[in-house]
Amino acid sequence: MKNDNLYYIVAQNIKKQRKLKNWTQVKLAMESNISVDYLKKIETKSGCTKQFSLDTVEKIANALNIDVRELFNKID
C-alpha cells in the first residue's frame, strides 16, 4: 500500500489522533456515532482500500475535537 493513498493517510491519522486521546476504538465509534466494526475497517490497512465518506471523516474529527483538515496531513 502506498503511503500517498488518501484513504491510508486519513485512516492512519484517525488512529494516531485516537491514540493521543487514549481512546479505544469503541469509545471513538460511540463518540462518532458509527459502528465499531466500521471504525475497525477504516483503521486497518485492508480497510484503507475501501471508500469511506467525508461525512464519516467529519463525524470522527468532530468526536476527536480536531479540525477535519488534520486528518488529511501526510504522515511523516
Protein backbone atom coordinates (compact mmCIF):
# COMPACT_ATOMS: atom_id res chain seq x y z
CA MET A 1 0.00 0.00 0.00
CA LYS A 2 1.37 3.38 -0.93
CA ASN A 3 1.74 5.97 1.79
CA ASP A 4 0.29 8.58 -0.57
CA ASN A 5 -3.07 6.76 -0.72
CA LEU A 6 -5.54 9.30 0.68
CA TYR A 7 -7.60 6.67 2.47
CA TYR A 8 -4.45 5.30 4.10
CA ILE A 9 -3.37 8.78 5.22
CA VAL A 10 -6.77 9.58 6.73
CA ALA A 11 -7.01 6.18 8.42
CA GLN A 12 -3.56 6.45 9.98
CA ASN A 13 -4.29 9.99 11.18
CA ILE A 14 -7.56 8.84 12.74
CA LYS A 15 -5.71 6.08 14.56
CA LYS A 16 -2.96 8.48 15.66
CA GLN A 17 -5.42 11.07 16.99
CA ARG A 18 -7.46 8.39 18.76
CA LYS A 19 -4.36 7.07 20.49
CA LEU A 20 -3.26 10.59 21.50
CA LYS A 21 -6.53 10.82 23.41
CA ASN A 22 -6.02 7.34 24.86
CA TRP A 23 -9.38 6.33 23.42
CA THR A 24 -10.32 2.82 22.39
CA GLN A 25 -11.94 2.14 19.06
CA VAL A 26 -15.17 1.54 20.97
CA LYS A 27 -15.01 4.99 22.59
CA LEU A 28 -14.30 6.75 19.28
CA ALA A 29 -17.02 4.82 17.50
CA MET A 30 -19.54 5.75 20.19
CA GLU A 31 -18.50 9.42 20.14
CA SER A 32 -18.63 9.46 16.32
CA ASN A 33 -21.96 7.65 16.13
CA ILE A 34 -20.56 4.98 13.81
CA SER A 35 -20.23 1.24 14.38
CA VAL A 36 -17.13 -0.21 15.96
CA ASP A 37 -16.80 -2.66 13.08
CA TYR A 38 -16.83 0.20 10.59
CA LEU A 39 -14.16 2.11 12.52
CA LYS A 40 -12.02 -1.03 12.70
CA LYS A 41 -12.28 -1.39 8.94
CA ILE A 42 -11.30 2.23 8.43
CA GLU A 43 -8.25 1.94 10.69
CA THR A 44 -6.94 -1.33 9.24
CA LYS A 45 -4.69 -1.44 6.22
CA SER A 46 -7.15 -3.67 4.38
CA GLY A 47 -9.90 -1.15 5.04
CA CYS A 48 -7.87 1.66 3.57
CA THR A 49 -8.57 0.45 0.07
CA LYS A 50 -12.29 0.81 0.73
CA GLN A 51 -14.01 4.13 0.39
CA PHE A 52 -15.44 5.92 3.37
CA SER A 53 -17.39 9.13 3.14
CA LEU A 54 -16.38 12.65 4.00
CA ASP A 55 -19.38 12.70 6.31
CA THR A 56 -17.83 9.83 8.27
CA VAL A 57 -14.47 11.60 8.39
CA GLU A 58 -16.18 14.76 9.65
CA LYS A 59 -18.02 12.82 12.37
CA ILE A 60 -14.75 11.33 13.55
CA ALA A 61 -12.94 14.69 13.50
CA ASN A 62 -15.75 16.29 15.48
CA ALA A 63 -15.66 13.50 18.04
CA LEU A 64 -11.89 13.94 18.36
CA ASN A 65 -12.42 17.70 18.62
CA ILE A 66 -9.95 18.45 15.83
CA ASP A 67 -10.14 20.27 12.52
CA VAL A 68 -11.05 17.76 9.84
CA ARG A 69 -8.13 19.00 7.72
CA GLU A 70 -5.70 17.50 10.26
CA LEU A 71 -6.78 14.06 9.13
CA PHE A 72 -5.54 14.75 5.59
CA ASN A 73 -1.97 15.70 6.53
CA LYS A 74 0.72 13.47 5.07
CA ILE A 75 2.29 11.09 7.52
CA ASP A 76 5.96 11.65 8.41
